[in-house]
Amino acid sequence: MARKCYLGIDPRSCVIADIPAVAELTAAGRLHMCVSRDGIVESIEAVIEQAGNPFPMLITTGDNVLVTAEQIRSIHDFGMRDGAGAVLAIAEKSSILAEHPEAQRNFYEFSDMAIANCNTYWLRDAASFRAAEAFRQGGQFMKNVGRIASAFGVWNLIRFRLGWSTVNGAMTAISRRFKVKVRAFVLTEGAYAVDVDNERTYKIAEMLLAKRKL
């Protein structure tokens, strides 16, 4: 049975409802519109309230335009196979810059690799939703160190900032804090780390989408 998709929207500015593919999915009961709330966690809570039991759940953002069905399946399969409660998708710096030298400018530096997140997250069940609390005040941890301390604790902040942890070590620390098995899934295609939030990334995303059609 096909999974359902819940799309958070601002009802005052929904510009996609009349697109044929969107209308078809909505009519078939596979796409549901939810009114977005103030933050990503609050918007997920709204979906849970509306859907009842939407788990396992994959979450991504509207500016993540390079996401593919294959990526979604690979993250889901990894989470189920690994016994994870929550999965966050990441890509290595080398694979990101191989796509385009300006694809991403900021990276999280760990002792084993430098990474960027791919704005894609997976939750196994309602209990795993505890891990989403890390994003209650928003993401953008690179730009707001205080959010790292608030979400993950001061000691974890120190470890992250000094590059003492491996990626898996950081996931273990986060798992302990939220009492959820959190795992990182490294995507091989660096393009997935490109989100469109300015003219630079818009042009890069256009270029990468055009390459996929070749």
N, C-alpha and C. Protein backbone atom coordinates (compact mmCIF):
# COMPACT_ATOMS: atom_id res chain seq x y z
N MET A 1 0.84 -1.20 0.00
CA MET A 1 0.00 0.00 0.00
C MET A 1 0.88 1.25 0.00
N ALA A 2 0.56 2.23 -0.83
CA ALA A 2 1.36 3.45 -0.93
C ALA A 2 1.24 4.27 0.35
N ARG A 3 2.35 4.84 0.78
CA ARG A 3 2.35 5.69 1.95
C ARG A 3 1.69 7.02 1.63
N LYS A 4 1.17 7.65 2.66
CA LYS A 4 0.56 8.97 2.49
C LYS A 4 1.59 10.05 2.72
N CYS A 5 1.40 11.18 2.06
CA CYS A 5 2.29 12.32 2.20
C CYS A 5 1.50 13.48 2.80
N TYR A 6 2.08 14.12 3.82
CA TYR A 6 1.46 15.27 4.46
C TYR A 6 2.34 16.47 4.19
N LEU A 7 1.75 17.50 3.61
CA LEU A 7 2.49 18.68 3.18
C LEU A 7 2.07 19.88 4.02
N GLY A 8 3.04 20.46 4.74
CA GLY A 8 2.75 21.65 5.52
C GLY A 8 2.72 22.88 4.63
N ILE A 9 1.66 23.65 4.70
CA ILE A 9 1.51 24.82 3.83
C ILE A 9 1.02 26.02 4.63
N ASP A 10 1.21 27.18 4.05
CA ASP A 10 0.54 28.40 4.49
C ASP A 10 -0.70 28.53 3.60
N PRO A 11 -1.90 28.34 4.13
CA PRO A 11 -3.10 28.34 3.30
C PRO A 11 -3.33 29.64 2.55
N ARG A 12 -2.68 30.71 2.99
CA ARG A 12 -2.86 32.00 2.31
C ARG A 12 -2.03 32.08 1.04
N SER A 13 -1.04 31.19 0.89
CA SER A 13 -0.14 31.32 -0.25
C SER A 13 0.18 29.96 -0.87
N CYS A 14 -0.77 29.05 -0.87
CA CYS A 14 -0.54 27.73 -1.47
C CYS A 14 -0.63 27.87 -2.98
N VAL A 15 0.49 27.72 -3.65
CA VAL A 15 0.53 27.94 -5.10
C VAL A 15 0.61 26.63 -5.88
N ILE A 16 0.56 25.49 -5.20
CA ILE A 16 0.73 24.22 -5.90
C ILE A 16 -0.54 23.39 -5.98
N ALA A 17 -1.60 23.81 -5.29
CA ALA A 17 -2.79 22.97 -5.20
C ALA A 17 -3.39 22.63 -6.56
N ASP A 18 -3.26 23.51 -7.54
CA ASP A 18 -3.85 23.28 -8.84
C ASP A 18 -2.92 22.60 -9.83
N ILE A 19 -1.70 22.29 -9.43
CA ILE A 19 -0.81 21.54 -10.31
C ILE A 19 -1.41 20.15 -10.51
N PRO A 20 -1.51 19.68 -11.76
CA PRO A 20 -2.19 18.40 -12.02
C PRO A 20 -1.73 17.24 -11.16
N ALA A 21 -0.42 17.05 -11.01
CA ALA A 21 0.08 15.93 -10.21
C ALA A 21 -0.34 16.06 -8.75
N VAL A 22 -0.33 17.30 -8.24
CA VAL A 22 -0.74 17.53 -6.85
C VAL A 22 -2.23 17.27 -6.69
N ALA A 23 -3.02 17.78 -7.63
CA ALA A 23 -4.47 17.57 -7.58
C ALA A 23 -4.81 16.08 -7.65
N GLU A 24 -4.09 15.35 -8.50
CA GLU A 24 -4.34 13.91 -8.65
C GLU A 24 -4.04 13.15 -7.36
N LEU A 25 -2.89 13.45 -6.74
CA LEU A 25 -2.53 12.79 -5.49
C LEU A 25 -3.50 13.13 -4.36
N THR A 26 -3.93 14.39 -4.33
CA THR A 26 -4.88 14.82 -3.30
C THR A 26 -6.21 14.10 -3.47
N ALA A 27 -6.68 14.02 -4.71
CA ALA A 27 -7.95 13.35 -4.99
C ALA A 27 -7.88 11.87 -4.64
N ALA A 28 -6.71 11.26 -4.81
CA ALA A 28 -6.54 9.84 -4.52
C ALA A 28 -6.35 9.57 -3.03
N GLY A 29 -6.28 10.64 -2.22
CA GLY A 29 -6.10 10.47 -0.79
C GLY A 29 -4.68 10.17 -0.37
N ARG A 30 -3.71 10.39 -1.27
CA ARG A 30 -2.31 10.10 -0.95
C ARG A 30 -1.55 11.34 -0.51
N LEU A 31 -2.08 12.52 -0.78
CA LEU A 31 -1.45 13.78 -0.38
C LEU A 31 -2.43 14.58 0.45
N HIS A 32 -2.00 15.01 1.62
CA HIS A 32 -2.85 15.77 2.52
C HIS A 32 -2.17 17.08 2.87
N MET A 33 -2.91 18.16 2.82
CA MET A 33 -2.38 19.48 3.17
C MET A 33 -2.62 19.75 4.66
N CYS A 34 -1.57 20.17 5.35
CA CYS A 34 -1.67 20.56 6.75
C CYS A 34 -1.22 22.00 6.88
N VAL A 35 -1.87 22.74 7.75
CA VAL A 35 -1.48 24.12 7.99
C VAL A 35 -0.20 24.14 8.80
N SER A 36 0.84 24.77 8.27
CA SER A 36 2.12 24.86 8.98
C SER A 36 1.97 25.67 10.26
N ARG A 37 2.75 25.30 11.24
CA ARG A 37 2.80 26.06 12.49
C ARG A 37 4.11 26.84 12.55
N ASP A 38 4.42 27.38 13.71
CA ASP A 38 5.53 28.32 13.81
C ASP A 38 6.90 27.71 13.56
N GLY A 39 7.07 26.43 13.83
CA GLY A 39 8.37 25.79 13.66
C GLY A 39 8.22 24.41 13.10
N ILE A 40 9.36 23.77 12.76
CA ILE A 40 9.31 22.45 12.15
C ILE A 40 8.74 21.40 13.11
N VAL A 41 9.12 21.46 14.39
CA VAL A 41 8.62 20.48 15.34
C VAL A 41 7.12 20.65 15.54
N GLU A 42 6.69 21.90 15.66
CA GLU A 42 5.26 22.16 15.83
C GLU A 42 4.47 21.71 14.61
N SER A 43 5.05 21.87 13.42
CA SER A 43 4.37 21.43 12.20
C SER A 43 4.27 19.91 12.15
N ILE A 44 5.30 19.22 12.62
CA ILE A 44 5.24 17.76 12.69
C ILE A 44 4.17 17.31 13.68
N GLU A 45 4.08 18.02 14.80
CA GLU A 45 3.04 17.70 15.79
C GLU A 45 1.66 17.84 15.17
N ALA A 46 1.48 18.84 14.30
CA ALA A 46 0.20 19.04 13.64
C ALA A 46 -0.12 17.86 12.72
N VAL A 47 0.90 17.34 12.03
CA VAL A 47 0.69 16.17 11.16
C VAL A 47 0.29 14.96 12.00
N ILE A 48 0.98 14.76 13.12
CA ILE A 48 0.67 13.62 13.98
C ILE A 48 -0.77 13.71 14.48
N GLU A 49 -1.19 14.93 14.88
CA GLU A 49 -2.56 15.12 15.34
C GLU A 49 -3.56 14.80 14.23
N GLN A 50 -3.24 15.22 13.00
CA GLN A 50 -4.18 15.03 11.90
C GLN A 50 -4.18 13.57 11.42
N ALA A 51 -3.00 12.96 11.37
CA ALA A 51 -2.90 11.63 10.79
C ALA A 51 -3.14 10.51 11.80
N GLY A 52 -2.95 10.81 13.07
CA GLY A 52 -3.14 9.78 14.08
C GLY A 52 -1.87 8.98 14.31
N ASN A 53 -1.51 8.14 13.36
CA ASN A 53 -0.31 7.32 13.48
C ASN A 53 0.39 7.27 12.13
N PRO A 54 1.17 8.32 11.79
CA PRO A 54 1.80 8.38 10.47
C PRO A 54 3.17 7.69 10.41
N PHE A 55 3.51 6.92 11.45
CA PHE A 55 4.84 6.32 11.53
C PHE A 55 4.92 4.99 10.81
N PRO A 56 6.15 4.64 10.34
CA PRO A 56 7.37 5.46 10.32
C PRO A 56 7.20 6.68 9.43
N MET A 57 7.89 7.76 9.79
CA MET A 57 7.69 9.05 9.13
C MET A 57 9.01 9.58 8.60
N LEU A 58 9.00 10.04 7.37
CA LEU A 58 10.15 10.73 6.80
C LEU A 58 9.81 12.20 6.67
N ILE A 59 10.70 13.06 7.12
CA ILE A 59 10.47 14.50 7.15
C ILE A 59 11.52 15.19 6.30
N THR A 60 11.08 16.09 5.45
CA THR A 60 12.02 16.93 4.72
C THR A 60 11.43 18.32 4.59
N THR A 61 12.23 19.26 4.09
CA THR A 61 11.82 20.65 4.04
C THR A 61 11.49 21.08 2.61
N GLY A 62 10.72 22.15 2.49
CA GLY A 62 10.27 22.60 1.18
C GLY A 62 11.38 23.09 0.29
N ASP A 63 12.51 23.49 0.87
CA ASP A 63 13.62 23.98 0.05
C ASP A 63 14.58 22.86 -0.36
N ASN A 64 14.23 21.63 0.00
CA ASN A 64 15.06 20.47 -0.35
C ASN A 64 14.58 19.92 -1.70
N VAL A 65 14.93 20.62 -2.77
CA VAL A 65 14.33 20.34 -4.07
C VAL A 65 14.99 19.18 -4.81
N LEU A 66 16.11 18.67 -4.31
CA LEU A 66 16.82 17.61 -5.00
C LEU A 66 16.55 16.23 -4.41
N VAL A 67 15.63 16.15 -3.47
CA VAL A 67 15.28 14.87 -2.87
C VAL A 67 14.66 13.95 -3.93
N THR A 68 14.94 12.66 -3.81
CA THR A 68 14.42 11.68 -4.77
C THR A 68 13.74 10.54 -4.04
N ALA A 69 12.92 9.80 -4.78
CA ALA A 69 12.26 8.63 -4.21
C ALA A 69 13.29 7.59 -3.77
N GLU A 70 14.38 7.45 -4.54
CA GLU A 70 15.42 6.49 -4.19
C GLU A 70 16.08 6.86 -2.86
N GLN A 71 16.28 8.17 -2.65
CA GLN A 71 16.86 8.62 -1.39
C GLN A 71 15.93 8.29 -0.23
N ILE A 72 14.66 8.57 -0.40
CA ILE A 72 13.69 8.29 0.66
C ILE A 72 13.67 6.81 1.01
N ARG A 73 13.65 5.95 -0.02
CA ARG A 73 13.65 4.51 0.23
C ARG A 73 14.92 4.06 0.95
N SER A 74 16.07 4.62 0.55
CA SER A 74 17.33 4.19 1.16
C SER A 74 17.38 4.58 2.63
N ILE A 75 16.88 5.75 2.98
CA ILE A 75 16.87 6.18 4.38
C ILE A 75 15.93 5.30 5.20
N HIS A 76 14.75 5.04 4.66
CA HIS A 76 13.78 4.18 5.36
C HIS A 76 14.35 2.78 5.56
N ASP A 77 14.92 2.22 4.51
CA ASP A 77 15.48 0.86 4.60
C ASP A 77 16.61 0.81 5.63
N PHE A 78 17.45 1.85 5.66
CA PHE A 78 18.54 1.90 6.63
C PHE A 78 17.99 1.94 8.05
N GLY A 79 17.00 2.80 8.30
CA GLY A 79 16.43 2.91 9.63
C GLY A 79 15.82 1.61 10.11
N MET A 80 15.08 0.94 9.24
CA MET A 80 14.44 -0.32 9.61
C MET A 80 15.49 -1.40 9.83
N ARG A 81 16.47 -1.47 8.95
CA ARG A 81 17.51 -2.51 9.03
C ARG A 81 18.40 -2.33 10.26
N ASP A 82 18.69 -1.08 10.60
CA ASP A 82 19.61 -0.77 11.69
C ASP A 82 18.93 -0.77 13.05
N GLY A 83 17.62 -0.81 13.06
CA GLY A 83 16.90 -0.74 14.33
C GLY A 83 16.93 0.64 14.95
N ALA A 84 17.09 1.67 14.12
CA ALA A 84 17.18 3.04 14.62
C ALA A 84 15.80 3.55 15.03
N GLY A 85 15.82 4.48 15.98
CA GLY A 85 14.60 5.19 16.33
C GLY A 85 14.46 6.42 15.47
N ALA A 86 15.60 7.05 15.17
CA ALA A 86 15.62 8.25 14.34
C ALA A 86 16.86 8.22 13.46
N VAL A 87 16.72 8.72 12.24
CA VAL A 87 17.82 8.77 11.29
C VAL A 87 17.90 10.18 10.74
N LEU A 88 19.11 10.71 10.65
CA LEU A 88 19.30 11.97 9.94
C LEU A 88 20.25 11.73 8.77
N ALA A 89 19.90 12.27 7.63
CA ALA A 89 20.68 12.08 6.41
C ALA A 89 21.76 13.14 6.32
N ILE A 90 22.98 12.70 6.03
CA ILE A 90 24.10 13.62 5.89
C ILE A 90 24.88 13.28 4.62
N ALA A 91 25.75 14.19 4.21
CA ALA A 91 26.65 13.94 3.08
C ALA A 91 28.02 14.45 3.45
N GLU A 92 29.04 13.79 2.94
CA GLU A 92 30.42 14.21 3.20
C GLU A 92 30.80 15.42 2.37
N LYS A 93 31.69 16.22 2.94
CA LYS A 93 32.16 17.44 2.28
C LYS A 93 32.70 17.15 0.88
N SER A 94 33.49 16.10 0.74
CA SER A 94 34.11 15.80 -0.55
C SER A 94 33.07 15.51 -1.62
N SER A 95 32.02 14.77 -1.27
CA SER A 95 30.99 14.44 -2.27
C SER A 95 30.13 15.66 -2.60
N ILE A 96 29.96 16.55 -1.63
CA ILE A 96 29.18 17.77 -1.87
C ILE A 96 29.92 18.70 -2.82
N LEU A 97 31.19 18.94 -2.53
CA LEU A 97 31.97 19.84 -3.36
C LEU A 97 32.26 19.25 -4.74
N ALA A 98 32.19 17.92 -4.85
CA ALA A 98 32.35 17.30 -6.16
C ALA A 98 31.18 17.63 -7.08
N GLU A 99 30.01 17.90 -6.48
CA GLU A 99 28.84 18.28 -7.27
C GLU A 99 28.99 19.71 -7.79
N HIS A 100 29.47 20.60 -6.90
CA HIS A 100 29.68 22.00 -7.28
C HIS A 100 30.53 22.64 -6.18
N PRO A 101 31.56 23.40 -6.53
CA PRO A 101 32.45 23.97 -5.50
C PRO A 101 31.77 24.96 -4.56
N GLU A 102 30.59 25.46 -4.94
CA GLU A 102 29.86 26.39 -4.09
C GLU A 102 28.56 25.77 -3.56
N ALA A 103 28.45 24.46 -3.67
CA ALA A 103 27.22 23.80 -3.27
C ALA A 103 26.91 24.00 -1.78
N GLN A 104 27.94 24.05 -0.98
CA GLN A 104 27.78 24.24 0.47
C GLN A 104 29.03 24.95 0.98
N ARG A 105 28.85 25.92 1.86
CA ARG A 105 29.99 26.69 2.36
C ARG A 105 30.34 26.38 3.80
N ASN A 106 29.42 25.81 4.55
CA ASN A 106 29.65 25.53 5.96
C ASN A 106 29.49 24.05 6.23
N PHE A 107 30.40 23.51 7.03
CA PHE A 107 30.39 22.08 7.33
C PHE A 107 30.58 21.86 8.82
N TYR A 108 30.03 20.77 9.30
CA TYR A 108 30.28 20.33 10.66
C TYR A 108 31.52 19.45 10.63
N GLU A 109 32.54 19.82 11.39
CA GLU A 109 33.81 19.11 11.38
C GLU A 109 33.86 18.09 12.52
N PHE A 110 33.97 16.82 12.16
CA PHE A 110 34.15 15.75 13.14
C PHE A 110 35.54 15.16 12.96
N SER A 111 35.94 14.31 13.88
CA SER A 111 37.31 13.79 13.82
C SER A 111 37.51 12.86 12.63
N ASP A 112 36.44 12.27 12.11
CA ASP A 112 36.59 11.34 10.99
C ASP A 112 36.14 11.91 9.65
N MET A 113 35.33 12.94 9.66
CA MET A 113 34.87 13.53 8.40
C MET A 113 34.21 14.88 8.65
N ALA A 114 34.12 15.67 7.59
CA ALA A 114 33.34 16.91 7.61
C ALA A 114 32.05 16.64 6.86
N ILE A 115 30.93 17.11 7.41
CA ILE A 115 29.64 16.76 6.83
C ILE A 115 28.71 17.98 6.78
N ALA A 116 27.67 17.85 6.00
CA ALA A 116 26.54 18.79 6.03
C ALA A 116 25.28 17.95 6.10
N ASN A 117 24.23 18.49 6.70
CA ASN A 117 23.00 17.71 6.76
C ASN A 117 22.21 17.90 5.47
N CYS A 118 21.32 16.97 5.22
CA CYS A 118 20.56 16.95 3.97
C CYS A 118 19.08 17.28 4.18
N ASN A 119 18.77 17.88 5.34
CA ASN A 119 17.40 18.31 5.62
C ASN A 119 16.38 17.18 5.43
N THR A 120 16.79 15.98 5.78
CA THR A 120 15.91 14.82 5.66
C THR A 120 16.07 13.96 6.91
N TYR A 121 14.95 13.64 7.54
CA TYR A 121 14.95 12.94 8.82
C TYR A 121 13.89 11.85 8.81
N TRP A 122 14.16 10.78 9.55
CA TRP A 122 13.25 9.63 9.62
C TRP A 122 12.98 9.29 11.07
N LEU A 123 11.73 9.03 11.40
CA LEU A 123 11.34 8.64 12.75
C LEU A 123 10.59 7.32 12.69
N ARG A 124 10.97 6.39 13.55
CA ARG A 124 10.35 5.07 13.54
C ARG A 124 8.94 5.09 14.11
N ASP A 125 8.77 5.76 15.27
CA ASP A 125 7.50 5.70 15.97
C ASP A 125 7.32 6.94 16.84
N ALA A 126 6.21 6.98 17.56
CA ALA A 126 5.90 8.16 18.38
C ALA A 126 6.96 8.37 19.46
N ALA A 127 7.50 7.29 20.03
CA ALA A 127 8.52 7.43 21.06
C ALA A 127 9.78 8.09 20.51
N SER A 128 10.07 7.85 19.23
CA SER A 128 11.26 8.43 18.60
C SER A 128 11.13 9.93 18.38
N PHE A 129 9.91 10.44 18.48
CA PHE A 129 9.69 11.86 18.26
C PHE A 129 10.44 12.71 19.28
N ARG A 130 10.87 12.10 20.40
CA ARG A 130 11.65 12.85 21.39
C ARG A 130 12.89 13.46 20.77
N ALA A 131 13.47 12.77 19.78
CA ALA A 131 14.69 13.28 19.15
C ALA A 131 14.44 14.57 18.39
N ALA A 132 13.20 14.81 17.98
CA ALA A 132 12.87 16.03 17.25
C ALA A 132 12.95 17.26 18.13
N GLU A 133 12.99 17.08 19.45
CA GLU A 133 13.08 18.21 20.36
C GLU A 133 14.33 19.05 20.09
N ALA A 134 15.35 18.43 19.49
CA ALA A 134 16.57 19.16 19.17
C ALA A 134 16.29 20.33 18.24
N PHE A 135 15.19 20.25 17.49
CA PHE A 135 14.87 21.28 16.50
C PHE A 135 13.72 22.19 16.96
N ARG A 136 13.36 22.09 18.24
CA ARG A 136 12.21 22.85 18.74
C ARG A 136 12.39 24.35 18.51
N GLN A 137 13.61 24.85 18.67
CA GLN A 137 13.87 26.28 18.49
C GLN A 137 14.41 26.60 17.11
N GLY A 138 14.31 25.63 16.21
CA GLY A 138 14.80 25.83 14.85
C GLY A 138 16.13 25.14 14.63
N GLY A 139 16.53 25.02 13.37
CA GLY A 139 17.80 24.41 13.03
C GLY A 139 18.90 25.45 12.98
N GLN A 140 19.62 25.47 11.87
CA GLN A 140 20.70 26.45 11.68
C GLN A 140 21.68 26.43 12.85
N PHE A 141 22.09 25.24 13.30
CA PHE A 141 23.01 25.14 14.43
C PHE A 141 24.35 25.79 14.13
N MET A 142 24.76 25.74 12.85
CA MET A 142 26.05 26.34 12.49
C MET A 142 26.07 27.83 12.80
N LYS A 143 24.91 28.49 12.63
CA LYS A 143 24.84 29.93 12.81
C LYS A 143 24.44 30.32 14.23
N ASN A 144 24.04 29.37 15.04
CA ASN A 144 23.54 29.68 16.37
C ASN A 144 24.05 28.64 17.37
N VAL A 145 25.22 28.94 17.95
CA VAL A 145 25.85 27.99 18.86
C VAL A 145 24.97 27.72 20.07
N GLY A 146 24.22 28.74 20.51
CA GLY A 146 23.35 28.56 21.66
C GLY A 146 22.33 27.47 21.46
N ARG A 147 21.91 27.26 20.22
CA ARG A 147 20.94 26.20 19.95
C ARG A 147 21.55 24.82 20.14
N ILE A 148 22.85 24.69 19.84
CA ILE A 148 23.51 23.41 20.07
C ILE A 148 23.52 23.10 21.56
N ALA A 149 23.88 24.10 22.38
CA ALA A 149 23.93 23.90 23.82
C ALA A 149 22.55 23.57 24.37
N SER A 150 21.53 24.29 23.89
CA SER A 150 20.17 24.06 24.37
C SER A 150 19.66 22.68 23.97
N ALA A 151 19.96 22.27 22.74
CA ALA A 151 19.42 21.01 22.23
C ALA A 151 20.20 19.80 22.72
N PHE A 152 21.53 19.91 22.73
CA PHE A 152 22.36 18.73 22.97
C PHE A 152 23.15 18.76 24.27
N GLY A 153 23.15 19.90 24.98
CA GLY A 153 23.89 20.00 26.22
C GLY A 153 25.25 20.66 26.02
N VAL A 154 25.74 21.32 27.07
CA VAL A 154 26.98 22.08 26.97
C VAL A 154 28.18 21.17 26.69
N TRP A 155 28.26 20.02 27.37
CA TRP A 155 29.40 19.13 27.16
C TRP A 155 29.45 18.63 25.72
N ASN A 156 28.30 18.28 25.18
CA ASN A 156 28.27 17.85 23.78
C ASN A 156 28.64 19.00 22.85
N LEU A 157 28.23 20.22 23.20
CA LEU A 157 28.62 21.39 22.41
C LEU A 157 30.15 21.50 22.36
N ILE A 158 30.80 21.35 23.52
CA ILE A 158 32.27 21.46 23.56
C ILE A 158 32.90 20.38 22.68
N ARG A 159 32.41 19.16 22.81
CA ARG A 159 32.97 18.06 22.01
C ARG A 159 32.79 18.31 20.52
N PHE A 160 31.59 18.80 20.13
CA PHE A 160 31.32 19.05 18.72
C PHE A 160 32.21 20.17 18.19
N ARG A 161 32.31 21.25 18.96
CA ARG A 161 33.04 22.43 18.49
C ARG A 161 34.54 22.15 18.38
N LEU A 162 35.05 21.30 19.25
CA LEU A 162 36.48 20.99 19.22
C LEU A 162 36.81 19.83 18.30
N GLY A 163 35.80 19.25 17.70
CA GLY A 163 36.02 18.15 16.77
C GLY A 163 36.52 16.89 17.42
N TRP A 164 36.14 16.65 18.68
CA TRP A 164 36.62 15.47 19.40
C TRP A 164 35.87 14.21 19.00
N SER A 165 34.65 14.34 18.52
CA SER A 165 33.79 13.19 18.26
C SER A 165 33.86 12.75 16.81
N THR A 166 33.71 11.45 16.60
CA THR A 166 33.39 10.96 15.27
C THR A 166 31.91 11.21 15.04
N VAL A 167 31.47 11.04 13.82
CA VAL A 167 30.04 11.20 13.54
C VAL A 167 29.23 10.20 14.35
N ASN A 168 29.64 8.94 14.35
CA ASN A 168 28.90 7.93 15.10
C ASN A 168 28.97 8.18 16.60
N GLY A 169 30.12 8.70 17.07
CA GLY A 169 30.24 9.05 18.48
C GLY A 169 29.26 10.14 18.87
N ALA A 170 29.09 11.13 17.99
CA ALA A 170 28.14 12.20 18.24
C ALA A 170 26.71 11.65 18.28
N MET A 171 26.41 10.71 17.39
CA MET A 171 25.07 10.11 17.38
C MET A 171 24.81 9.34 18.67
N THR A 172 25.85 8.69 19.20
CA THR A 172 25.70 7.97 20.46
C THR A 172 25.40 8.93 21.60
N ALA A 173 26.10 10.08 21.61
CA ALA A 173 25.87 11.08 22.66
C ALA A 173 24.45 11.65 22.57
N ILE A 174 24.01 11.92 21.35
CA ILE A 174 22.65 12.44 21.15
C ILE A 174 21.62 11.39 21.57
N SER A 175 21.91 10.13 21.25
CA SER A 175 21.00 9.04 21.63
C SER A 175 20.81 8.97 23.13
N ARG A 176 21.91 9.11 23.86
CA ARG A 176 21.83 9.09 25.33
C ARG A 176 21.00 10.25 25.84
N ARG A 177 21.17 11.42 25.24
CA ARG A 177 20.46 12.60 25.74
C ARG A 177 18.96 12.47 25.55
N PHE A 178 18.53 11.93 24.40
CA PHE A 178 17.10 11.86 24.11
C PHE A 178 16.49 10.49 24.33
N LYS A 179 17.34 9.52 24.74
CA LYS A 179 16.87 8.15 24.99
C LYS A 179 16.19 7.55 23.75
N VAL A 180 16.77 7.86 22.61
CA VAL A 180 16.33 7.34 21.32
C VAL A 180 17.58 6.97 20.54
N LYS A 181 17.56 5.82 19.88
CA LYS A 181 18.71 5.43 19.07
C LYS A 181 18.73 6.27 17.80
N VAL A 182 19.64 7.24 17.77
CA VAL A 182 19.76 8.16 16.63
C VAL A 182 20.96 7.72 15.79
N ARG A 183 20.74 7.60 14.49
CA ARG A 183 21.80 7.17 13.58
C ARG A 183 21.93 8.17 12.44
N ALA A 184 23.16 8.32 11.94
CA ALA A 184 23.40 9.14 10.77
C ALA A 184 23.55 8.23 9.56
N PHE A 185 22.92 8.60 8.46
CA PHE A 185 23.02 7.84 7.22
C PHE A 185 23.73 8.70 6.19
N VAL A 186 24.90 8.26 5.75
CA VAL A 186 25.70 9.04 4.81
C VAL A 186 25.23 8.75 3.38
N LEU A 187 24.69 9.77 2.74
CA LEU A 187 24.26 9.64 1.36
C LEU A 187 25.47 9.83 0.44
N THR A 188 25.54 9.02 -0.60
CA THR A 188 26.71 9.06 -1.47
C THR A 188 26.67 10.23 -2.44
N GLU A 189 25.49 10.77 -2.71
CA GLU A 189 25.37 11.88 -3.66
C GLU A 189 25.31 13.20 -2.91
N GLY A 190 26.35 14.00 -3.07
CA GLY A 190 26.45 15.25 -2.32
C GLY A 190 25.40 16.28 -2.67
N ALA A 191 24.74 16.13 -3.81
CA ALA A 191 23.72 17.09 -4.23
C ALA A 191 22.58 17.19 -3.22
N TYR A 192 22.36 16.12 -2.46
CA TYR A 192 21.25 16.13 -1.51
C TYR A 192 21.44 17.15 -0.39
N ALA A 193 22.65 17.64 -0.21
CA ALA A 193 22.91 18.63 0.83
C ALA A 193 22.62 20.05 0.37
N VAL A 194 22.21 20.23 -0.86
CA VAL A 194 21.91 21.56 -1.39
C VAL A 194 20.45 21.90 -1.11
N ASP A 195 20.22 22.92 -0.32
CA ASP A 195 18.86 23.42 -0.14
C ASP A 195 18.80 24.84 -0.70
N VAL A 196 17.66 25.19 -1.23
CA VAL A 196 17.53 26.46 -1.95
C VAL A 196 17.03 27.54 -1.00
N ASP A 197 17.95 28.42 -0.59
CA ASP A 197 17.54 29.52 0.28
C ASP A 197 18.12 30.86 -0.14
N ASN A 198 18.75 30.90 -1.32
CA ASN A 198 19.24 32.17 -1.86
C ASN A 198 19.47 31.98 -3.37
N GLU A 199 19.86 33.07 -4.02
CA GLU A 199 20.04 33.01 -5.48
C GLU A 199 21.16 32.05 -5.87
N ARG A 200 22.22 32.01 -5.08
CA ARG A 200 23.34 31.12 -5.39
C ARG A 200 22.91 29.66 -5.42
N THR A 201 22.23 29.22 -4.36
CA THR A 201 21.82 27.82 -4.29
C THR A 201 20.69 27.50 -5.27
N TYR A 202 19.87 28.52 -5.59
CA TYR A 202 18.83 28.33 -6.61
C TYR A 202 19.47 27.97 -7.95
N LYS A 203 20.51 28.70 -8.32
CA LYS A 203 21.17 28.46 -9.61
C LYS A 203 21.88 27.10 -9.61
N ILE A 204 22.49 26.76 -8.47
CA ILE A 204 23.18 25.47 -8.38
C ILE A 204 22.17 24.33 -8.49
N ALA A 205 21.03 24.46 -7.81
CA ALA A 205 20.01 23.42 -7.88
C ALA A 205 19.48 23.27 -9.30
N GLU A 206 19.27 24.38 -9.98
CA GLU A 206 18.83 24.33 -11.38
C GLU A 206 19.84 23.56 -12.23
N MET A 207 21.12 23.83 -12.04
CA MET A 207 22.16 23.18 -12.80
C MET A 207 22.19 21.67 -12.53
N LEU A 208 22.07 21.30 -11.25
CA LEU A 208 22.11 19.88 -10.89
C LEU A 208 20.89 19.13 -11.39
N LEU A 209 19.72 19.80 -11.37
CA LEU A 209 18.52 19.18 -11.92
C LEU A 209 18.66 18.97 -13.43
N ALA A 210 19.27 19.94 -14.10
CA ALA A 210 19.48 19.81 -15.54
C ALA A 210 20.42 18.65 -15.85
N LYS A 211 21.45 18.45 -15.02
CA LYS A 211 22.38 17.34 -15.23
C LYS A 211 21.68 16.00 -15.11
N ARG A 212 20.68 15.92 -14.22
CA ARG A 212 19.96 14.65 -14.04
C ARG A 212 19.17 14.27 -15.28
N LYS A 213 18.82 15.24 -16.10
CA LYS A 213 18.02 14.97 -17.29
C LYS A 213 18.86 14.53 -18.48
N LEU A 214 20.17 14.66 -18.38
CA LEU A 214 21.05 14.32 -19.50
C LEU A 214 21.13 12.81 -19.70
